[in-house]
C-alpha atoms as a PDB file:
ATOM      1  CA  MET A   1      89.811  79.468  84.643  1.00  0.00           C
ATOM      2  CA  LYS A   2      89.144  77.172  81.410  1.00  0.00           C
ATOM      3  CA  ILE A   3      86.488  77.650  79.241  1.00  0.00           C
ATOM      4  CA  LYS A   4      85.086  74.465  77.749  1.00  0.00           C
ATOM      5  CA  ASN A   5      84.594  74.219  73.702  1.00  0.00           C
ATOM      6  CA  SER A   6      81.407  75.045  72.526  1.00  0.00           C
ATOM      7  CA  GLU A   7      79.878  73.346  69.349  1.00  0.00           C
ATOM      8  CA  ARG A   8      82.148  75.377  67.130  1.00  0.00           C
ATOM      9  CA  LEU A   9      84.430  76.988  69.244  1.00  0.00           C
ATOM     10  CA  LYS A  10      87.045  76.788  71.300  1.00  0.00           C
ATOM     11  CA  PHE A  11      88.289  80.000  74.033  1.00  0.00           C
ATOM     12  CA  ARG A  12      91.672  81.222  75.063  1.00  0.00           C
ATOM     13  CA  LEU A  13      91.804  84.351  77.506  1.00  0.00           C
ATOM     14  CA  MET A  14      94.000  86.854  75.806  1.00  0.00           C
ATOM     15  CA  ASP A  15      96.805  88.833  77.744  1.00  0.00           C
ATOM     16  CA  SER A  16      99.954  91.666  76.797  1.00  0.00           C
ATOM     17  CA  ASN A  17     100.915  89.042  74.632  1.00  0.00           C
ATOM     18  CA  ASP A  18      98.118  89.454  71.935  1.00  0.00           C
ATOM     19  CA  THR A  19      99.021  92.713  70.636  1.00  0.00           C
ATOM     20  CA  GLN A  20      98.959  91.488  67.259  1.00  0.00           C
ATOM     21  CA  ALA A  21      95.840  89.680  67.542  1.00  0.00           C
ATOM     22  CA  LEU A  22      94.157  92.458  68.934  1.00  0.00           C
ATOM     23  CA  TRP A  23      95.355  94.955  65.930  1.00  0.00           C
ATOM     24  CA  GLN A  24      94.622  92.473  63.505  1.00  0.00           C
ATOM     25  CA  LEU A  25      90.777  92.752  64.140  1.00  0.00           C
ATOM     26  CA  ASP A  26      90.545  96.429  64.438  1.00  0.00           C
ATOM     27  CA  GLN A  27      91.799  97.097  60.528  1.00  0.00           C
ATOM     28  CA  ASP A  28      89.191  96.683  59.484  1.00  0.00           C
ATOM     29  CA  PRO A  29      86.505  99.692  59.263  1.00  0.00           C
ATOM     30  CA  GLU A  30      83.432  97.655  58.888  1.00  0.00           C
ATOM     31  CA  VAL A  31      84.364  96.127  62.456  1.00  0.00           C
ATOM     32  CA  MET A  32      85.383  99.207  64.148  1.00  0.00           C
ATOM     33  CA  LYS A  33      82.216 101.407  62.671  1.00  0.00           C
ATOM     34  CA  TYR A  34      80.095 101.536  65.643  1.00  0.00           C
ATOM     35  CA  LEU A  35      83.045 101.972  68.130  1.00  0.00           C
ATOM     36  CA  ASN A  36      85.310 104.929  66.503  1.00  0.00           C
ATOM     37  CA  GLY A  37      83.692 105.524  63.340  1.00  0.00           C
ATOM     38  CA  GLY A  38      85.530 103.113  61.331  1.00  0.00           C
ATOM     39  CA  THR A  39      88.996 104.467  62.235  1.00  0.00           C
ATOM     40  CA  PRO A  40      91.394 101.589  62.321  1.00  0.00           C
ATOM     41  CA  THR A  41      93.003 101.097  65.765  1.00  0.00           C
ATOM     42  CA  SER A  42      96.789 101.792  65.829  1.00  0.00           C
ATOM     43  CA  MET A  43      99.702  99.614  67.182  1.00  0.00           C
ATOM     44  CA  GLU A  44     100.544 102.721  69.303  1.00  0.00           C
ATOM     45  CA  GLN A  45      96.701 102.819  70.708  1.00  0.00           C
ATOM     46  CA  VAL A  46      96.937  98.974  71.170  1.00  0.00           C
ATOM     47  CA  HIS A  47      99.780  99.288  73.663  1.00  0.00           C
ATOM     48  CA  GLU A  48      98.613 102.447  75.074  1.00  0.00           C
ATOM     49  CA  LEU A  49      95.203 102.145  75.352  1.00  0.00           C
ATOM     50  CA  LEU A  50      93.776  98.702  74.664  1.00  0.00           C
ATOM     51  CA  ILE A  51      96.335  96.556  76.558  1.00  0.00           C
ATOM     52  CA  PRO A  52      96.432  98.518  79.884  1.00  0.00           C
ATOM     53  CA  ARG A  53      92.659  99.112  79.686  1.00  0.00           C
ATOM     54  CA  MET A  54      92.414  94.941  79.778  1.00  0.00           C
ATOM     55  CA  GLU A  55      95.458  94.121  82.221  1.00  0.00           C
ATOM     56  CA  LYS A  56      93.462  96.332  84.833  1.00  0.00           C
ATOM     57  CA  TYR A  57      90.030  94.509  84.494  1.00  0.00           C
ATOM     58  CA  ARG A  58      91.928  90.890  83.411  1.00  0.00           C
ATOM     59  CA  ASP A  59      91.675  88.589  86.059  1.00  0.00           C
ATOM     60  CA  ALA A  60      91.800  84.497  85.042  1.00  0.00           C
ATOM     61  CA  LYS A  61      90.841  83.434  87.867  1.00  0.00           C
ATOM     62  CA  LYS A  62      87.403  84.989  87.179  1.00  0.00           C
ATOM     63  CA  GLY A  63      87.389  84.410  84.198  1.00  0.00           C
ATOM     64  CA  TRP A  64      87.676  88.455  83.262  1.00  0.00           C
ATOM     65  CA  GLY A  65      89.156  89.891  80.697  1.00  0.00           C
ATOM     66  CA  ILE A  66      89.235  89.554  76.593  1.00  0.00           C
ATOM     67  CA  TRP A  67      88.507  85.592  75.335  1.00  0.00           C
ATOM     68  CA  GLN A  68      89.779  84.843  71.992  1.00  0.00           C
ATOM     69  CA  VAL A  69      87.311  83.218  69.543  1.00  0.00           C
ATOM     70  CA  SER A  70      88.887  80.249  67.629  1.00  0.00           C
ATOM     71  CA  ASP A  71      87.037  77.973  65.406  1.00  0.00           C
ATOM     72  CA  LYS A  72      87.702  74.738  66.980  1.00  0.00           C
ATOM     73  CA  ASN A  73      88.604  73.000  63.678  1.00  0.00           C
ATOM     74  CA  THR A  74      90.518  75.285  61.816  1.00  0.00           C
ATOM     75  CA  ASP A  75      92.300  77.216  64.925  1.00  0.00           C
ATOM     76  CA  GLU A  76      91.108  80.390  62.613  1.00  0.00           C
ATOM     77  CA  TYR A  77      91.096  83.537  64.467  1.00  0.00           C
ATOM     78  CA  LEU A  78      87.112  84.902  64.523  1.00  0.00           C
ATOM     79  CA  GLY A  79      87.145  87.460  66.769  1.00  0.00           C
ATOM     80  CA  TRP A  80      86.868  88.056  70.565  1.00  0.00           C
ATOM     81  CA  VAL A  81      84.191  88.495  73.404  1.00  0.00           C
ATOM     82  CA  LEU A  82      85.353  91.153  76.576  1.00  0.00           C
ATOM     83  CA  VAL A  83      84.395  89.844  80.032  1.00  0.00           C
ATOM     84  CA  ARG A  84      84.758  92.621  82.933  1.00  0.00           C
ATOM     85  CA  PRO A  85      82.296  94.108  85.932  1.00  0.00           C
ATOM     86  CA  MET A  86      79.649  96.593  84.490  1.00  0.00           C
ATOM     87  CA  ALA A  87      80.544 100.508  85.341  1.00  0.00           C
ATOM     88  CA  PHE A  88      84.823  98.732  85.986  1.00  0.00           C
ATOM     89  CA  PHE A  89      85.778 102.042  85.099  1.00  0.00           C
ATOM     90  CA  THR A  90      83.992 104.440  87.568  1.00  0.00           C
ATOM     91  CA  SER A  91      84.344 105.115  91.773  1.00  0.00           C
ATOM     92  CA  THR A  92      81.706 101.833  91.931  1.00  0.00           C
ATOM     93  CA  PRO A  93      81.885  98.985  89.535  1.00  0.00           C
ATOM     94  CA  ASP A  94      79.429  96.785  89.683  1.00  0.00           C
ATOM     95  CA  PHE A  95      80.793  93.341  90.430  1.00  0.00           C
ATOM     96  CA  LYS A  96      77.396  91.389  90.678  1.00  0.00           C
ATOM     97  CA  ASP A  97      76.927  92.877  87.361  1.00  0.00           C
ATOM     98  CA  LEU A  98      79.128  91.680  84.408  1.00  0.00           C
ATOM     99  CA  GLU A  99      79.883  93.251  81.111  1.00  0.00           C
ATOM    100  CA  LEU A 100      79.971  91.421  77.645  1.00  0.00           C
ATOM    101  CA  GLY A 101      81.450  93.042  74.983  1.00  0.00           C
ATOM    102  CA  TRP A 102      82.415  91.188  71.512  1.00  0.00           C
ATOM    103  CA  ARG A 103      84.356  92.189  68.267  1.00  0.00           C
ATOM    104  CA  PHE A 104      84.323  89.936  65.732  1.00  0.00           C
ATOM    105  CA  PHE A 105      85.962  89.670  62.040  1.00  0.00           C
ATOM    106  CA  GLN A 106      83.210  90.657  59.216  1.00  0.00           C
ATOM    107  CA  ASN A 107      83.555  87.301  57.510  1.00  0.00           C
ATOM    108  CA  SER A 108      82.359  85.891  60.506  1.00  0.00           C
ATOM    109  CA  TRP A 109      79.205  87.769  60.793  1.00  0.00           C
ATOM    110  CA  GLY A 110      75.853  86.702  60.046  1.00  0.00           C
ATOM    111  CA  LYS A 111      77.219  82.704  61.220  1.00  0.00           C
ATOM    112  CA  GLY A 112      76.322  82.820  65.135  1.00  0.00           C
ATOM    113  CA  TYR A 113      79.661  82.540  66.394  1.00  0.00           C
ATOM    114  CA  ALA A 114      79.410  86.164  68.777  1.00  0.00           C
ATOM    115  CA  THR A 115      75.821  84.264  70.275  1.00  0.00           C
ATOM    116  CA  GLU A 116      77.334  80.776  70.269  1.00  0.00           C
ATOM    117  CA  ALA A 117      80.665  82.438  72.337  1.00  0.00           C
ATOM    118  CA  ALA A 118      78.998  84.958  74.676  1.00  0.00           C
ATOM    119  CA  ILE A 119      76.716  82.425  75.878  1.00  0.00           C
ATOM    120  CA  ALA A 120      79.579  79.610  76.593  1.00  0.00           C
ATOM    121  CA  ILE A 121      81.965  82.498  78.206  1.00  0.00           C
ATOM    122  CA  LYS A 122      79.009  83.954  80.235  1.00  0.00           C
ATOM    123  CA  ASN A 123      77.724  80.369  81.774  1.00  0.00           C
ATOM    124  CA  ALA A 124      81.092  79.533  82.529  1.00  0.00           C
ATOM    125  CA  VAL A 125      82.141  82.921  84.086  1.00  0.00           C
ATOM    126  CA  THR A 126      78.785  83.237  86.041  1.00  0.00           C
ATOM    127  CA  ALA A 127      78.814  79.450  87.172  1.00  0.00           C
ATOM    128  CA  ASN A 128      79.639  79.377  90.982  1.00  0.00           C
ATOM    129  CA  THR A 129      79.529  82.705  91.546  1.00  0.00           C
ATOM    130  CA  GLU A 130      78.128  85.886  93.176  1.00  0.00           C
ATOM    131  CA  VAL A 131      77.216  87.588  89.789  1.00  0.00           C
ATOM    132  CA  THR A 132      73.413  88.207  89.357  1.00  0.00           C
ATOM    133  CA  HIS A 133      73.638  90.046  85.695  1.00  0.00           C
ATOM    134  CA  VAL A 134      75.028  90.415  82.824  1.00  0.00           C
ATOM    135  CA  SER A 135      75.249  93.334  80.770  1.00  0.00           C
ATOM    136  CA  ALA A 136      76.127  94.381  77.479  1.00  0.00           C
ATOM    137  CA  LEU A 137      76.328  97.918  75.640  1.00  0.00           C
ATOM    138  CA  ALA A 138      76.191  99.147  72.431  1.00  0.00           C
ATOM    139  CA  VAL A 139      75.013 101.945  69.951  1.00  0.00           C
ATOM    140  CA  ALA A 140      71.688 102.340  68.916  1.00  0.00           C
ATOM    141  CA  ASP A 141      72.600 101.544  65.514  1.00  0.00           C
ATOM    142  CA  ASN A 142      74.885  98.092  66.130  1.00  0.00           C
ATOM    143  CA  LEU A 143      71.875  95.912  65.242  1.00  0.00           C
ATOM    144  CA  GLY A 144      74.216  93.338  65.093  1.00  0.00           C
ATOM    145  CA  SER A 145      75.119  93.720  68.824  1.00  0.00           C
ATOM    146  CA  ILE A 146      71.624  94.029  69.683  1.00  0.00           C
ATOM    147  CA  SER A 147      70.452  90.761  68.104  1.00  0.00           C
ATOM    148  CA  VAL A 148      72.942  89.096  69.824  1.00  0.00           C
ATOM    149  CA  MET A 149      71.735  90.171  73.026  1.00  0.00           C
ATOM    150  CA  LYS A 150      68.336  89.657  72.193  1.00  0.00           C
ATOM    151  CA  LYS A 151      69.542  85.967  71.578  1.00  0.00           C
ATOM    152  CA  MET A 152      71.117  85.327  74.646  1.00  0.00           C
ATOM    153  CA  GLY A 153      68.236  86.303  75.941  1.00  0.00           C
ATOM    154  CA  MET A 154      68.685  90.030  77.434  1.00  0.00           C
ATOM    155  CA  LYS A 155      65.868  92.725  77.636  1.00  0.00           C
ATOM    156  CA  PHE A 156      66.520  96.338  77.313  1.00  0.00           C
ATOM    157  CA  VAL A 157      66.936  98.584  80.200  1.00  0.00           C
ATOM    158  CA  ARG A 158      67.375 101.754  79.014  1.00  0.00           C
ATOM    159  CA  ALA A 159      69.319 103.901  76.025  1.00  0.00           C
ATOM    160  CA  TYR A 160      71.432 106.344  77.993  1.00  0.00           C
ATOM    161  CA  LEU A 161      75.117 108.597  77.680  1.00  0.00           C
ATOM    162  CA  HIS A 162      77.548 106.332  78.428  1.00  0.00           C
ATOM    163  CA  LYS A 163      80.557 107.923  80.084  1.00  0.00           C
ATOM    164  CA  ASP A 164      84.302 105.699  79.553  1.00  0.00           C
ATOM    165  CA  PRO A 165      87.522 107.568  79.981  1.00  0.00           C
ATOM    166  CA  ILE A 166      88.382 106.663  76.462  1.00  0.00           C
ATOM    167  CA  GLY A 167      85.038 108.437  75.218  1.00  0.00           C
ATOM    168  CA  ASP A 168      81.444 108.696  76.115  1.00  0.00           C
ATOM    169  CA  PHE A 169      78.689 107.489  73.343  1.00  0.00           C
ATOM    170  CA  ASP A 170      74.998 107.153  73.424  1.00  0.00           C
ATOM    171  CA  ALA A 171      74.330 103.314  74.461  1.00  0.00           C
ATOM    172  CA  VAL A 172      71.971 101.078  74.467  1.00  0.00           C
ATOM    173  CA  HIS A 173      71.713  98.989  77.641  1.00  0.00           C
ATOM    174  CA  TYR A 174      70.721  95.337  77.749  1.00  0.00           C
ATOM    175  CA  GLN A 175      70.436  92.664  80.593  1.00  0.00           C
ATOM    176  CA  MET A 176      69.927  89.191  81.809  1.00  0.00           C
ATOM    177  CA  PRO A 177      69.486  87.694  84.757  1.00  0.00           C
ATOM    178  CA  VAL A 178      72.070  84.690  85.946  1.00  0.00           C
ATOM    179  CA  SER A 179      69.776  81.309  85.945  1.00  0.00           C
ATOM    180  CA  LYS A 180      71.540  79.106  89.170  1.00  0.00           C
END
């Protein structure tokens, strides 16, 4: 799947050759604040945890995976948007509800890039599919991510303990129906 450029951004599905780019983004403690308390990701963690997890849900035809987001004029790497079925790492993944997640370099915060990218990617990966909903999760204190969810049109669903093989966390779940 290819995703058309948005007004300011271009997109590329990342793969196992993108370890340096994935690692680079995780080196800012502020970027990692709501993910693990601010600890930068090691290159070993990228190789042994992040890449293998990504490869499990990555499906280029369906658009599932991690989409690199870059400035379409300068090629500057701004961050990424994740797409995978909700509850993917459980025994009952929901293939009709796609989870979106995002991570952007701090110098790109507050410029609308995450919202613009998430909307463009959501529209592309849900077109002509059986997907009925799009969801996003965050910790309740992550007001920046929650703002992106609301700007996309997502509504609060619930607060709960999100279970994940790499660590459980108190999450807020936002969701929106996919309009066809």
